[in-house]
Amino acid sequence: MLALLCGGQGTPSDTVFDLVADQPAAEPVFIAATALLGADPREFVRARSADELSVDRSS
């Protein structure tokens, strides 16, 4: 499976990672992103409103 996420392409959503969130092949990517961002991206998007996800820092 290949997942491409393109920030700035439409309205940010808390479901952006739903397709790959539980895929074993994606886990290393989420681990690396968590280390860099200081938060798991899957939880980050679920804990914020669409407005919060739209700010430059988040998107």
PDB file of N, CA and C in Angstrom:
ATOM      1  N   MET A   1       0.845  -1.174   0.000  1.00  0.00           N
ATOM      2  CA  MET A   1       0.000   0.000   0.000  1.00  0.00           C
ATOM      3  C   MET A   1       0.889   1.236   0.000  1.00  0.00           C
ATOM      4  N   LEU A   2       0.507   2.216  -0.762  1.00  0.00           N
ATOM      5  CA  LEU A   2       1.194   3.494  -0.816  1.00  0.00           C
ATOM      6  C   LEU A   2       0.197   4.570  -0.448  1.00  0.00           C
ATOM      7  N   ALA A   3       0.556   5.431   0.480  1.00  0.00           N
ATOM      8  CA  ALA A   3      -0.324   6.535   0.880  1.00  0.00           C
ATOM      9  C   ALA A   3       0.427   7.842   0.681  1.00  0.00           C
ATOM     10  N   LEU A   4      -0.153   8.741  -0.063  1.00  0.00           N
ATOM     11  CA  LEU A   4       0.409  10.066  -0.277  1.00  0.00           C
ATOM     12  C   LEU A   4      -0.506  11.078   0.396  1.00  0.00           C
ATOM     13  N   LEU A   5       0.053  11.877   1.283  1.00  0.00           N
ATOM     14  CA  LEU A   5      -0.718  12.910   1.970  1.00  0.00           C
ATOM     15  C   LEU A   5      -0.165  14.254   1.532  1.00  0.00           C
ATOM     16  N   CYS A   6      -1.013  15.064   0.942  1.00  0.00           N
ATOM     17  CA  CYS A   6      -0.583  16.351   0.403  1.00  0.00           C
ATOM     18  C   CYS A   6      -1.247  17.476   1.179  1.00  0.00           C
ATOM     19  N   GLY A   7      -0.503  18.066   2.099  1.00  0.00           N
ATOM     20  CA  GLY A   7      -1.022  19.199   2.848  1.00  0.00           C
ATOM     21  C   GLY A   7      -1.395  20.337   1.909  1.00  0.00           C
ATOM     22  N   GLY A   8      -2.466  21.020   2.234  1.00  0.00           N
ATOM     23  CA  GLY A   8      -2.904  22.138   1.419  1.00  0.00           C
ATOM     24  C   GLY A   8      -3.854  21.739   0.306  1.00  0.00           C
ATOM     25  N   GLN A   9      -4.167  20.480   0.194  1.00  0.00           N
ATOM     26  CA  GLN A   9      -5.060  19.994  -0.855  1.00  0.00           C
ATOM     27  C   GLN A   9      -6.440  19.717  -0.266  1.00  0.00           C
ATOM     28  N   GLY A  10      -7.217  20.752  -0.061  1.00  0.00           N
ATOM     29  CA  GLY A  10      -8.556  20.571   0.491  1.00  0.00           C
ATOM     30  C   GLY A  10      -8.608  20.886   1.970  1.00  0.00           C
ATOM     31  N   THR A  11      -9.717  20.565   2.574  1.00  0.00           N
ATOM     32  CA  THR A  11      -9.953  20.862   3.977  1.00  0.00           C
ATOM     33  C   THR A  11      -9.284  19.815   4.860  1.00  0.00           C
ATOM     34  N   PRO A  12      -8.492  20.250   5.840  1.00  0.00           N
ATOM     35  CA  PRO A  12      -7.890  19.291   6.763  1.00  0.00           C
ATOM     36  C   PRO A  12      -8.974  18.527   7.521  1.00  0.00           C
ATOM     37  N   SER A  13      -8.691  17.279   7.841  1.00  0.00           N
ATOM     38  CA  SER A  13      -9.691  16.443   8.488  1.00  0.00           C
ATOM     39  C   SER A  13      -9.039  15.562   9.546  1.00  0.00           C
ATOM     40  N   ASP A  14      -9.809  15.240  10.560  1.00  0.00           N
ATOM     41  CA  ASP A  14      -9.304  14.337  11.594  1.00  0.00           C
ATOM     42  C   ASP A  14      -9.278  12.890  11.120  1.00  0.00           C
ATOM     43  N   THR A  15      -9.720  12.646   9.913  1.00  0.00           N
ATOM     44  CA  THR A  15      -9.723  11.286   9.361  1.00  0.00           C
ATOM     45  C   THR A  15      -8.600  11.056   8.346  1.00  0.00           C
ATOM     46  N   VAL A  16      -7.687  11.997   8.234  1.00  0.00           N
ATOM     47  CA  VAL A  16      -6.653  11.949   7.196  1.00  0.00           C
ATOM     48  C   VAL A  16      -5.815  10.663   7.249  1.00  0.00           C
ATOM     49  N   PHE A  17      -5.617  10.097   8.439  1.00  0.00           N
ATOM     50  CA  PHE A  17      -4.786   8.900   8.558  1.00  0.00           C
ATOM     51  C   PHE A  17      -5.591   7.610   8.683  1.00  0.00           C
ATOM     52  N   ASP A  18      -6.902   7.681   8.585  1.00  0.00           N
ATOM     53  CA  ASP A  18      -7.734   6.498   8.818  1.00  0.00           C
ATOM     54  C   ASP A  18      -7.374   5.312   7.923  1.00  0.00           C
ATOM     55  N   LEU A  19      -7.013   5.554   6.704  1.00  0.00           N
ATOM     56  CA  LEU A  19      -6.708   4.467   5.774  1.00  0.00           C
ATOM     57  C   LEU A  19      -5.455   3.684   6.185  1.00  0.00           C
ATOM     58  N   VAL A  20      -4.495   4.373   6.774  1.00  0.00           N
ATOM     59  CA  VAL A  20      -3.213   3.735   7.077  1.00  0.00           C
ATOM     60  C   VAL A  20      -2.888   3.643   8.563  1.00  0.00           C
ATOM     61  N   ALA A  21      -3.720   4.187   9.423  1.00  0.00           N
ATOM     62  CA  ALA A  21      -3.420   4.275  10.859  1.00  0.00           C
ATOM     63  C   ALA A  21      -3.071   2.936  11.491  1.00  0.00           C
ATOM     64  N   ASP A  22      -3.704   1.875  11.064  1.00  0.00           N
ATOM     65  CA  ASP A  22      -3.474   0.561  11.663  1.00  0.00           C
ATOM     66  C   ASP A  22      -2.672  -0.386  10.778  1.00  0.00           C
ATOM     67  N   GLN A  23      -2.083   0.140   9.723  1.00  0.00           N
ATOM     68  CA  GLN A  23      -1.297  -0.696   8.817  1.00  0.00           C
ATOM     69  C   GLN A  23       0.112  -0.902   9.390  1.00  0.00           C
ATOM     70  N   PRO A  24       0.535  -2.140   9.562  1.00  0.00           N
ATOM     71  CA  PRO A  24       1.873  -2.394  10.104  1.00  0.00           C
ATOM     72  C   PRO A  24       2.989  -1.704   9.312  1.00  0.00           C
ATOM     73  N   ALA A  25       2.852  -1.621   8.015  1.00  0.00           N
ATOM     74  CA  ALA A  25       3.892  -0.988   7.194  1.00  0.00           C
ATOM     75  C   ALA A  25       4.011   0.509   7.466  1.00  0.00           C
ATOM     76  N   ALA A  26       2.958   1.118   7.966  1.00  0.00           N
ATOM     77  CA  ALA A  26       2.976   2.562   8.238  1.00  0.00           C
ATOM     78  C   ALA A  26       3.528   2.880   9.620  1.00  0.00           C
ATOM     79  N   GLU A  27       3.594   1.900  10.494  1.00  0.00           N
ATOM     80  CA  GLU A  27       4.011   2.156  11.883  1.00  0.00           C
ATOM     81  C   GLU A  27       5.381   2.818  11.995  1.00  0.00           C
ATOM     82  N   PRO A  28       6.402   2.391  11.243  1.00  0.00           N
ATOM     83  CA  PRO A  28       7.700   3.082  11.341  1.00  0.00           C
ATOM     84  C   PRO A  28       7.617   4.559  10.952  1.00  0.00           C
ATOM     85  N   VAL A  29       6.759   4.869  10.020  1.00  0.00           N
ATOM     86  CA  VAL A  29       6.586   6.265   9.608  1.00  0.00           C
ATOM     87  C   VAL A  29       5.963   7.062  10.748  1.00  0.00           C
ATOM     88  N   PHE A  30       4.942   6.506  11.394  1.00  0.00           N
ATOM     89  CA  PHE A  30       4.307   7.206  12.511  1.00  0.00           C
ATOM     90  C   PHE A  30       5.257   7.335  13.702  1.00  0.00           C
ATOM     91  N   ILE A  31       6.088   6.328  13.937  1.00  0.00           N
ATOM     92  CA  ILE A  31       7.079   6.408  15.016  1.00  0.00           C
ATOM     93  C   ILE A  31       8.078   7.529  14.743  1.00  0.00           C
ATOM     94  N   ALA A  32       8.576   7.591  13.515  1.00  0.00           N
ATOM     95  CA  ALA A  32       9.529   8.650  13.150  1.00  0.00           C
ATOM     96  C   ALA A  32       8.878  10.024  13.238  1.00  0.00           C
ATOM     97  N   ALA A  33       7.649  10.135  12.763  1.00  0.00           N
ATOM     98  CA  ALA A  33       6.941  11.420  12.819  1.00  0.00           C
ATOM     99  C   ALA A  33       6.692  11.840  14.255  1.00  0.00           C
ATOM    100  N   THR A  34       6.354  10.900  15.113  1.00  0.00           N
ATOM    101  CA  THR A  34       6.135  11.213  16.527  1.00  0.00           C
ATOM    102  C   THR A  34       7.413  11.745  17.152  1.00  0.00           C
ATOM    103  N   ALA A  35       8.538  11.144  16.841  1.00  0.00           N
ATOM    104  CA  ALA A  35       9.819  11.609  17.379  1.00  0.00           C
ATOM    105  C   ALA A  35      10.135  13.035  16.919  1.00  0.00           C
ATOM    106  N   LEU A  36       9.834  13.334  15.670  1.00  0.00           N
ATOM    107  CA  LEU A  36      10.116  14.670  15.137  1.00  0.00           C
ATOM    108  C   LEU A  36       9.113  15.725  15.604  1.00  0.00           C
ATOM    109  N   LEU A  37       7.855  15.348  15.686  1.00  0.00           N
ATOM    110  CA  LEU A  37       6.798  16.315  15.991  1.00  0.00           C
ATOM    111  C   LEU A  37       6.501  16.428  17.485  1.00  0.00           C
ATOM    112  N   GLY A  38       6.884  15.422  18.246  1.00  0.00           N
ATOM    113  CA  GLY A  38       6.580  15.425  19.670  1.00  0.00           C
ATOM    114  C   GLY A  38       5.179  14.938  19.994  1.00  0.00           C
ATOM    115  N   ALA A  39       4.477  14.456  18.993  1.00  0.00           N
ATOM    116  CA  ALA A  39       3.124  13.919  19.182  1.00  0.00           C
ATOM    117  C   ALA A  39       2.831  12.966  18.033  1.00  0.00           C
ATOM    118  N   ASP A  40       2.070  11.935  18.330  1.00  0.00           N
ATOM    119  CA  ASP A  40       1.665  10.996  17.287  1.00  0.00           C
ATOM    120  C   ASP A  40       0.708  11.720  16.339  1.00  0.00           C
ATOM    121  N   PRO A  41       1.012  11.766  15.043  1.00  0.00           N
ATOM    122  CA  PRO A  41       0.160  12.488  14.105  1.00  0.00           C
ATOM    123  C   PRO A  41      -1.286  12.002  14.099  1.00  0.00           C
ATOM    124  N   ARG A  42      -1.490  10.708  14.350  1.00  0.00           N
ATOM    125  CA  ARG A  42      -2.850  10.163  14.375  1.00  0.00           C
ATOM    126  C   ARG A  42      -3.658  10.778  15.507  1.00  0.00           C
ATOM    127  N   GLU A  43      -3.029  10.951  16.653  1.00  0.00           N
ATOM    128  CA  GLU A  43      -3.715  11.569  17.792  1.00  0.00           C
ATOM    129  C   GLU A  43      -3.801  13.081  17.617  1.00  0.00           C
ATOM    130  N   PHE A  44      -2.770  13.661  17.031  1.00  0.00           N
ATOM    131  CA  PHE A  44      -2.740  15.109  16.812  1.00  0.00           C
ATOM    132  C   PHE A  44      -3.954  15.575  16.014  1.00  0.00           C
ATOM    133  N   VAL A  45      -4.255  14.873  14.912  1.00  0.00           N
ATOM    134  CA  VAL A  45      -5.376  15.310  14.075  1.00  0.00           C
ATOM    135  C   VAL A  45      -6.729  15.032  14.725  1.00  0.00           C
ATOM    136  N   ARG A  46      -6.795  13.982  15.544  1.00  0.00           N
ATOM    137  CA  ARG A  46      -8.063  13.653  16.209  1.00  0.00           C
ATOM    138  C   ARG A  46      -8.392  14.618  17.341  1.00  0.00           C
ATOM    139  N   ALA A  47      -7.373  15.252  17.900  1.00  0.00           N
ATOM    140  CA  ALA A  47      -7.558  16.120  19.061  1.00  0.00           C
ATOM    141  C   ALA A  47      -7.773  17.584  18.689  1.00  0.00           C
ATOM    142  N   ARG A  48      -7.822  17.905  17.405  1.00  0.00           N
ATOM    143  CA  ARG A  48      -7.950  19.294  16.983  1.00  0.00           C
ATOM    144  C   ARG A  48      -9.131  19.490  16.041  1.00  0.00           C
ATOM    145  N   SER A  49      -9.637  20.703  16.066  1.00  0.00           N
ATOM    146  CA  SER A  49     -10.750  21.061  15.182  1.00  0.00           C
ATOM    147  C   SER A  49     -10.210  21.320  13.772  1.00  0.00           C
ATOM    148  N   ALA A  50     -11.106  21.386  12.808  1.00  0.00           N
ATOM    149  CA  ALA A  50     -10.709  21.696  11.421  1.00  0.00           C
ATOM    150  C   ALA A  50     -10.010  23.047  11.355  1.00  0.00           C
ATOM    151  N   ASP A  51     -10.477  24.017  12.122  1.00  0.00           N
ATOM    152  CA  ASP A  51      -9.844  25.334  12.144  1.00  0.00           C
ATOM    153  C   ASP A  51      -8.406  25.234  12.665  1.00  0.00           C
ATOM    154  N   GLU A  52      -8.200  24.459  13.731  1.00  0.00           N
ATOM    155  CA  GLU A  52      -6.860  24.296  14.274  1.00  0.00           C
ATOM    156  C   GLU A  52      -5.943  23.568  13.299  1.00  0.00           C
ATOM    157  N   LEU A  53      -6.490  22.618  12.569  1.00  0.00           N
ATOM    158  CA  LEU A  53      -5.695  21.891  11.594  1.00  0.00           C
ATOM    159  C   LEU A  53      -5.343  22.745  10.377  1.00  0.00           C
ATOM    160  N   SER A  54      -6.082  23.823  10.163  1.00  0.00           N
ATOM    161  CA  SER A  54      -5.875  24.679   8.992  1.00  0.00           C
ATOM    162  C   SER A  54      -4.750  25.687   9.181  1.00  0.00           C
ATOM    163  N   VAL A  55      -4.326  25.943  10.411  1.00  0.00           N
ATOM    164  CA  VAL A  55      -3.259  26.922  10.623  1.00  0.00           C
ATOM    165  C   VAL A  55      -1.966  26.395  10.044  1.00  0.00           C
ATOM    166  N   ASP A  56      -1.104  27.281   9.609  1.00  0.00           N
ATOM    167  CA  ASP A  56       0.137  26.890   8.924  1.00  0.00           C
ATOM    168  C   ASP A  56       0.973  25.901   9.728  1.00  0.00           C
ATOM    169  N   ARG A  57       1.065  26.079  11.017  1.00  0.00           N
ATOM    170  CA  ARG A  57       1.906  25.198  11.837  1.00  0.00           C
ATOM    171  C   ARG A  57       1.423  23.750  11.770  1.00  0.00           C
ATOM    172  N   SER A  58       0.121  23.569  11.749  1.00  0.00           N
ATOM    173  CA  SER A  58      -0.433  22.215  11.734  1.00  0.00           C
ATOM    174  C   SER A  58      -0.426  21.594  10.353  1.00  0.00           C
ATOM    175  N   SER A  59      -0.779  22.378   9.352  1.00  0.00           N
ATOM    176  CA  SER A  59      -0.881  21.796   8.021  1.00  0.00           C
ATOM    177  C   SER A  59       0.441  21.848   7.310  1.00  0.00           C
TER     178      SER A  59
END
